[in-house]
Amino acid sequence: MKKLKRILIVFFLISVSLTAKSGQQFAALGNLKLDSGKMLLNCNIGYRTFGTLNKDSSNVIIYPTWFGGTSAQLTPLIAPGKLVDSTKYFVIAIDALSNGVSTSPSNSKLQSGKNFPQITINDMVKAEYRLLTEHFGLHHIFAVIGGSMGSMQALEWVVSYPDFIDKAVPYAATPRQSSYDLLELNFRLNIIESERELGADDKTIQIKLNYITQLFVRTPEYIVNNVPVNNFEEFLNKKVVRKKPSFTFTIDNYRTQLKAMLAHNIYRNYNNSVDETVEHIKTKIFFIVNKTDHLLNPAPAIELAKKLNSKLLILENDCGHIGIGCEMKRCSDAIQKFLDTKK
């Protein structure tokens, strides 16, 4: 009985330790010089860790957040059978700048609201680089994984720090915006700016942005097949009109990350040339895209994957931008195989 009690106590302590590891943490980076030449003052980066760091620190994977996402929202994807196996890897989920957790227009004491300087995807990555090198003392890691805006950060990593990461898994990915993507993103930006000029409050603006998200995040086929006409009002209320507003990802935060995505282009320092950029990429990359993605057109990622002769998985389900969630096991198995392969 005493032996069983000791075992239970040890199990409890281990469970508490693992839970604490995945709790919200912060690193104070001081001032961060931005691509614009301006300074982001008192920059703090949020993160969560999962798994155990091995002796030679060779099992580190970073997972930057998607548009509006937080490291807490990445947690369900970091587990055995999900996108990253935390029993094999030490995973650092990182809150991207302006997501409301890391330094953002909504929480900056010195540069709040309109005083917050515009950032780029590269600025997000620079902050993440400093987190790894200054806070964790890491100067090389195994992999980066990221979806949507997280994929933009992953691809920015491989061009900005070509010797830092061995492997990358950008999903729902793009190396730069297609003309279709620019049309959709500018539509969102126009909604924010025009509504602000009219004096609309954040809740009103958020409802209109919710409409755009629901129009583009899935496919027409998915909506027709999964939202019966008789249940449309319920769907509209839940996903658009009465959807709880985010007190973390405010409209100011939304606009800042949106403008960062609009400027995203990993070819910008190489004459906007795919071929020239390819010559500088050393990281092995596994792209996952969905043919039916209406938020980030898959064509630019497919083009880059073919130029690099990279591993490429093209999904063809009707789930659109979040298609990876509709084929989780297939994608999880493919990612693990890619990460496990030494060559």
Protein backbone atom coordinates (compact mmCIF):
# COMPACT_ATOMS: atom_id res chain seq x y z
CA MET A 1 0.00 0.00 0.00
CA LYS A 2 2.82 2.38 0.90
CA LYS A 3 4.60 1.51 -2.35
CA LEU A 4 1.45 2.29 -4.34
CA LYS A 5 1.09 5.58 -2.50
CA ARG A 6 4.68 6.54 -3.36
CA ILE A 7 4.07 5.68 -7.02
CA LEU A 8 0.94 7.83 -7.08
CA ILE A 9 2.81 10.75 -5.50
CA VAL A 10 5.61 10.49 -8.08
CA PHE A 11 3.05 10.29 -10.90
CA PHE A 12 1.31 13.39 -9.52
CA LEU A 13 4.56 15.35 -9.32
CA ILE A 14 5.47 14.39 -12.91
CA SER A 15 2.02 15.44 -14.11
CA VAL A 16 2.32 18.81 -12.35
CA SER A 17 5.79 19.30 -13.87
CA LEU A 18 4.56 18.58 -17.40
CA THR A 19 1.57 20.88 -16.95
CA ALA A 20 3.83 23.66 -15.69
CA LYS A 21 6.10 23.24 -18.68
CA SER A 22 3.25 23.93 -21.08
CA GLY A 23 2.08 27.00 -19.16
CA GLN A 24 2.40 30.51 -20.56
CA GLN A 25 5.90 31.92 -20.20
CA PHE A 26 7.58 35.14 -21.33
CA ALA A 27 11.04 36.30 -22.33
CA ALA A 28 12.02 39.98 -22.07
CA LEU A 29 14.13 40.91 -25.10
CA GLY A 30 14.51 44.62 -24.46
CA ASN A 31 14.26 46.80 -27.58
CA LEU A 32 13.90 45.16 -30.98
CA LYS A 33 15.09 46.97 -34.11
CA LEU A 34 12.51 46.55 -36.86
CA ASP A 35 12.90 46.29 -40.63
CA SER A 36 11.45 49.80 -40.86
CA GLY A 37 14.38 51.15 -38.83
CA LYS A 38 12.08 51.95 -35.93
CA MET A 39 12.42 50.38 -32.50
CA LEU A 40 9.90 48.16 -30.76
CA LEU A 41 10.36 49.07 -27.12
CA ASN A 42 10.39 46.58 -24.25
CA CYS A 43 9.69 43.62 -26.50
CA ASN A 44 8.32 40.56 -24.68
CA ILE A 45 7.80 37.21 -26.38
CA GLY A 46 5.33 34.65 -25.10
CA TYR A 47 6.01 30.92 -25.43
CA ARG A 48 5.17 27.47 -24.09
CA THR A 49 7.37 24.39 -23.99
CA PHE A 50 6.44 20.74 -24.40
CA GLY A 51 8.47 17.58 -24.01
CA THR A 52 12.04 17.12 -22.80
CA LEU A 53 15.19 18.71 -24.16
CA ASN A 54 17.80 16.02 -24.91
CA LYS A 55 21.43 16.26 -23.83
CA ASP A 56 22.79 17.77 -27.04
CA SER A 57 19.72 19.98 -27.70
CA SER A 58 19.22 18.27 -31.06
CA ASN A 59 15.49 17.65 -30.69
CA VAL A 60 14.22 21.25 -30.63
CA ILE A 61 11.25 22.16 -32.83
CA ILE A 62 9.73 25.64 -32.82
CA TYR A 63 6.07 26.22 -33.68
CA PRO A 64 5.17 29.89 -34.32
CA THR A 65 1.50 30.87 -34.23
CA TRP A 66 -0.88 31.43 -37.12
CA PHE A 67 -2.74 34.70 -37.78
CA GLY A 68 -4.42 35.74 -34.54
CA GLY A 69 -3.39 32.48 -32.89
CA THR A 70 -1.76 31.94 -29.52
CA SER A 71 0.61 29.31 -28.19
CA ALA A 72 -2.29 28.03 -26.06
CA GLN A 73 -4.23 27.28 -29.25
CA LEU A 74 -1.29 25.27 -30.60
CA THR A 75 -1.32 22.98 -27.57
CA PRO A 76 -3.80 20.38 -28.98
CA LEU A 77 -1.54 19.91 -32.02
CA ILE A 78 1.54 19.09 -29.92
CA ALA A 79 1.09 15.49 -28.81
CA PRO A 80 1.56 11.91 -30.08
CA GLY A 81 -0.62 11.37 -33.13
CA LYS A 82 -0.90 15.11 -33.79
CA LEU A 83 1.35 17.36 -35.86
CA VAL A 84 4.36 17.28 -33.50
CA ASP A 85 5.11 14.45 -31.09
CA SER A 86 6.14 15.99 -27.76
CA THR A 87 7.35 12.61 -26.48
CA LYS A 88 10.14 12.72 -29.09
CA TYR A 89 10.82 16.44 -29.45
CA PHE A 90 11.25 19.50 -27.27
CA VAL A 91 8.69 21.84 -28.79
CA ILE A 92 8.67 25.59 -28.24
CA ALA A 93 5.35 27.14 -29.28
CA ILE A 94 5.96 30.84 -29.85
CA ASP A 95 3.45 33.69 -29.74
CA ALA A 96 4.08 35.88 -32.78
CA LEU A 97 4.38 39.61 -32.27
CA SER A 98 1.04 41.45 -32.21
CA ASN A 99 -1.06 38.42 -31.27
CA GLY A 100 -2.09 40.00 -27.97
CA VAL A 101 0.20 37.81 -25.86
CA SER A 102 3.62 38.88 -27.10
CA THR A 103 4.20 42.63 -27.41
CA SER A 104 1.26 44.08 -29.34
CA PRO A 105 -0.66 47.32 -29.87
CA SER A 106 -3.09 46.11 -27.20
CA ASN A 107 -0.57 45.47 -24.42
CA SER A 108 2.43 47.70 -25.11
CA LYS A 109 2.77 50.28 -22.34
CA LEU A 110 5.02 52.57 -24.37
CA GLN A 111 3.63 52.15 -27.92
CA SER A 112 -0.01 51.22 -27.61
CA GLY A 113 -2.67 51.50 -30.29
CA LYS A 114 -1.75 53.81 -33.16
CA ASN A 115 1.69 54.41 -31.68
CA PHE A 116 2.68 50.81 -32.29
CA PRO A 117 5.18 50.59 -35.18
CA GLN A 118 4.35 48.45 -38.18
CA ILE A 119 6.08 45.08 -38.10
CA THR A 120 6.94 42.49 -40.76
CA ILE A 121 7.01 38.70 -40.76
CA ASN A 122 10.79 39.04 -40.64
CA ASP A 123 10.47 41.16 -37.48
CA MET A 124 8.48 38.31 -35.89
CA VAL A 125 11.28 35.91 -36.83
CA LYS A 126 13.98 38.25 -35.52
CA ALA A 127 12.24 38.27 -32.15
CA GLU A 128 11.99 34.47 -32.24
CA TYR A 129 15.69 34.21 -33.13
CA ARG A 130 16.57 36.32 -30.11
CA LEU A 131 14.29 34.18 -27.94
CA LEU A 132 16.18 31.05 -28.99
CA THR A 133 19.71 32.46 -28.87
CA GLU A 134 19.51 34.84 -25.90
CA HIS A 135 16.88 33.22 -23.70
CA PHE A 136 17.38 29.51 -24.44
CA GLY A 137 21.04 29.70 -25.49
CA LEU A 138 20.35 27.75 -28.69
CA HIS A 139 22.34 28.41 -31.87
CA HIS A 140 21.00 25.58 -33.99
CA ILE A 141 17.71 23.68 -33.87
CA PHE A 142 16.23 20.64 -35.54
CA ALA A 143 13.02 21.97 -37.12
CA VAL A 144 10.34 24.59 -37.47
CA ILE A 145 6.67 23.91 -38.21
CA GLY A 146 3.94 26.44 -38.86
CA GLY A 147 0.59 26.88 -40.55
CA SER A 148 -0.81 29.86 -42.43
CA MET A 149 0.99 32.92 -41.00
CA GLY A 150 3.07 30.38 -39.08
CA SER A 151 4.19 28.98 -42.44
CA MET A 152 5.25 32.46 -43.49
CA GLN A 153 7.44 32.65 -40.39
CA ALA A 154 8.83 29.16 -41.06
CA LEU A 155 9.81 30.11 -44.61
CA GLU A 156 11.22 33.44 -43.43
CA TRP A 157 13.40 31.46 -41.01
CA VAL A 158 14.94 29.36 -43.79
CA VAL A 159 15.94 32.40 -45.86
CA SER A 160 16.97 34.73 -43.03
CA TYR A 161 18.90 32.13 -41.02
CA PRO A 162 19.82 29.44 -43.57
CA ASP A 163 22.23 27.57 -41.27
CA PHE A 164 20.06 27.62 -38.17
CA ILE A 165 17.41 24.95 -38.89
CA ASP A 166 17.72 21.47 -40.42
CA LYS A 167 14.08 20.90 -41.42
CA ALA A 168 10.91 22.93 -41.97
CA VAL A 169 7.26 21.96 -42.29
CA PRO A 170 5.21 24.89 -43.59
CA TYR A 171 1.55 23.91 -44.04
CA ALA A 172 -1.30 25.94 -45.55
CA ALA A 173 1.78 27.68 -46.81
CA THR A 174 2.96 30.45 -49.07
CA PRO A 175 6.39 32.03 -49.71
CA ARG A 176 4.65 35.21 -50.88
CA GLN A 177 1.10 36.33 -51.49
CA SER A 178 -0.53 35.55 -54.82
CA SER A 179 -2.63 38.25 -56.48
CA TYR A 180 -5.73 36.44 -55.21
CA ASP A 181 -4.38 36.48 -51.64
CA LEU A 182 -3.59 40.19 -51.93
CA LEU A 183 -7.15 40.86 -53.06
CA GLU A 184 -8.60 39.08 -50.04
CA LEU A 185 -6.17 40.62 -47.53
CA ASN A 186 -6.71 44.13 -48.90
CA PHE A 187 -10.46 43.57 -48.62
CA ARG A 188 -10.01 42.91 -44.89
CA LEU A 189 -7.76 45.94 -44.47
CA ASN A 190 -10.26 48.16 -46.30
CA ILE A 191 -13.05 46.98 -44.00
CA ILE A 192 -11.02 47.92 -40.92
CA GLU A 193 -9.89 51.31 -42.18
CA SER A 194 -13.22 52.40 -43.69
CA GLU A 195 -15.19 51.31 -40.62
CA ARG A 196 -12.75 53.13 -38.37
CA GLU A 197 -13.26 56.30 -40.41
CA LEU A 198 -17.01 55.90 -39.88
CA GLY A 199 -16.49 55.59 -36.14
CA ALA A 200 -17.49 51.92 -35.84
CA ASP A 201 -16.53 50.11 -32.66
CA ASP A 202 -14.36 47.00 -32.60
CA LYS A 203 -17.33 44.65 -32.16
CA THR A 204 -18.99 45.93 -35.35
CA ILE A 205 -15.74 45.64 -37.30
CA GLN A 206 -15.12 42.15 -35.94
CA ILE A 207 -18.53 40.92 -37.13
CA LYS A 208 -17.77 42.05 -40.70
CA LEU A 209 -14.35 40.38 -40.53
CA ASN A 210 -16.05 37.21 -39.27
CA TYR A 211 -18.19 37.20 -42.42
CA ILE A 212 -15.05 37.36 -44.59
CA THR A 213 -13.38 34.57 -42.63
CA GLN A 214 -16.35 32.25 -43.02
CA LEU A 215 -16.56 33.03 -46.74
CA PHE A 216 -12.92 32.14 -47.40
CA VAL A 217 -11.69 29.73 -44.71
CA ARG A 218 -13.70 26.77 -46.06
CA THR A 219 -14.99 25.95 -49.52
CA PRO A 220 -18.50 26.55 -50.86
CA GLU A 221 -18.92 22.77 -51.05
CA TYR A 222 -18.03 22.38 -47.38
CA ILE A 223 -20.56 25.02 -46.30
CA VAL A 224 -23.34 23.58 -48.47
CA ASN A 225 -22.67 20.02 -47.27
CA ASN A 226 -22.19 20.82 -43.59
CA VAL A 227 -24.51 23.75 -42.92
CA PRO A 228 -28.12 22.79 -43.72
CA VAL A 229 -30.25 25.72 -44.81
CA ASN A 230 -32.58 25.07 -41.87
CA ASN A 231 -29.63 25.56 -39.49
CA PHE A 232 -28.17 28.58 -41.21
CA GLU A 233 -29.30 31.11 -38.58
CA GLU A 234 -27.69 29.01 -35.86
CA PHE A 235 -24.45 28.82 -37.90
CA LEU A 236 -24.52 32.58 -38.57
CA ASN A 237 -25.00 33.43 -34.92
CA LYS A 238 -22.33 31.02 -33.70
CA LYS A 239 -19.62 31.80 -36.24
CA VAL A 240 -20.33 35.43 -37.16
CA VAL A 241 -22.87 37.63 -35.38
CA ARG A 242 -22.69 36.39 -31.80
CA LYS A 243 -19.23 34.90 -31.88
CA LYS A 244 -17.42 35.96 -28.73
CA PRO A 245 -15.03 38.84 -29.51
CA SER A 246 -11.40 38.23 -28.70
CA PHE A 247 -10.14 40.48 -25.92
CA THR A 248 -6.61 39.35 -26.80
CA PHE A 249 -6.59 39.73 -30.57
CA THR A 250 -8.02 43.23 -30.84
CA ILE A 251 -8.66 45.05 -34.11
CA ASP A 252 -5.39 46.98 -33.69
CA ASN A 253 -3.53 43.67 -33.31
CA TYR A 254 -5.46 42.23 -36.25
CA ARG A 255 -4.54 45.15 -38.50
CA THR A 256 -0.84 44.97 -37.56
CA GLN A 257 -0.51 41.25 -38.32
CA LEU A 258 -2.64 41.67 -41.45
CA LYS A 259 -0.27 44.33 -42.84
CA ALA A 260 2.70 42.11 -41.98
CA MET A 261 1.18 39.32 -44.09
CA LEU A 262 0.45 41.72 -46.94
CA ALA A 263 4.17 42.51 -47.19
CA HIS A 264 5.30 38.88 -46.85
CA ASN A 265 7.73 37.87 -49.60
CA ILE A 266 10.76 35.64 -48.98
CA TYR A 267 12.14 36.53 -52.44
CA ARG A 268 12.42 40.26 -51.70
CA ASN A 269 16.19 40.21 -51.01
CA TYR A 270 16.97 38.16 -54.12
CA ASN A 271 15.56 40.34 -56.91
CA ASN A 272 12.11 38.79 -56.34
CA SER A 273 13.52 35.72 -58.05
CA VAL A 274 12.48 32.22 -57.01
CA ASP A 275 15.58 30.75 -58.67
CA GLU A 276 18.00 33.10 -56.89
CA THR A 277 16.33 32.48 -53.54
CA VAL A 278 16.48 28.71 -53.98
CA GLU A 279 20.29 28.93 -54.19
CA HIS A 280 20.38 30.28 -50.62
CA ILE A 281 18.03 27.76 -48.99
CA LYS A 282 19.81 24.96 -47.12
CA THR A 283 16.95 23.68 -44.96
CA LYS A 284 15.07 20.54 -46.04
CA ILE A 285 11.42 21.51 -46.45
CA PHE A 286 8.17 19.53 -46.47
CA PHE A 287 5.28 21.59 -47.86
CA ILE A 288 1.65 20.71 -47.14
CA VAL A 289 -1.02 22.63 -49.05
CA ASN A 290 -4.66 22.12 -49.93
CA LYS A 291 -5.75 22.45 -53.53
CA THR A 292 -9.01 24.05 -52.34
CA ASP A 293 -7.39 26.71 -50.11
CA HIS A 294 -9.24 30.01 -50.69
CA LEU A 295 -7.26 32.01 -48.11
CA LEU A 296 -3.71 31.28 -49.29
CA ASN A 297 -3.53 30.10 -52.85
CA PRO A 298 -1.30 27.00 -52.99
CA ALA A 299 0.36 27.84 -56.34
CA PRO A 300 3.35 29.84 -54.96
CA ALA A 301 4.19 27.10 -52.44
CA ILE A 302 3.89 24.38 -55.08
CA GLU A 303 6.17 26.36 -57.39
CA LEU A 304 8.83 26.73 -54.68
CA ALA A 305 8.56 23.09 -53.65
CA LYS A 306 9.19 21.97 -57.22
CA LYS A 307 12.15 24.34 -57.63
CA LEU A 308 13.66 22.95 -54.43
CA ASN A 309 12.74 19.38 -55.30
CA SER A 310 11.18 19.32 -51.83
CA LYS A 311 8.73 16.87 -50.38
CA LEU A 312 5.21 18.10 -51.17
CA LEU A 313 1.80 16.89 -50.03
CA ILE A 314 -1.18 18.34 -51.89
CA LEU A 315 -4.49 17.71 -50.14
CA GLU A 316 -7.71 17.78 -52.14
CA ASN A 317 -10.43 17.85 -49.50
CA ASP A 318 -13.23 20.44 -49.29
CA CYS A 319 -12.01 21.87 -45.97
CA GLY A 320 -10.09 24.69 -47.64
CA HIS A 321 -7.52 26.61 -45.64
CA ILE A 322 -7.83 24.35 -42.60
CA GLY A 323 -7.80 21.17 -44.64
CA ILE A 324 -4.98 19.66 -42.60
CA GLY A 325 -7.43 19.27 -39.72
CA CYS A 326 -9.68 17.11 -41.89
CA GLU A 327 -6.80 14.71 -42.63
CA MET A 328 -4.94 14.87 -39.33
CA LYS A 329 -3.68 11.29 -39.25
CA ARG A 330 -2.45 11.37 -42.84
CA CYS A 331 -0.64 14.65 -42.26
CA SER A 332 0.70 13.64 -38.86
CA ASP A 333 2.12 10.38 -40.25
CA ALA A 334 3.70 12.21 -43.19
CA ILE A 335 5.28 14.85 -40.94
CA GLN A 336 6.70 12.25 -38.56
CA LYS A 337 8.14 10.28 -41.47
CA PHE A 338 9.78 13.44 -42.82
CA LEU A 339 11.21 14.36 -39.42
CA ASP A 340 12.46 10.81 -38.81
CA THR A 341 14.20 10.53 -42.19
CA LYS A 342 17.89 11.34 -41.84
CA LYS A 343 18.54 12.21 -45.48
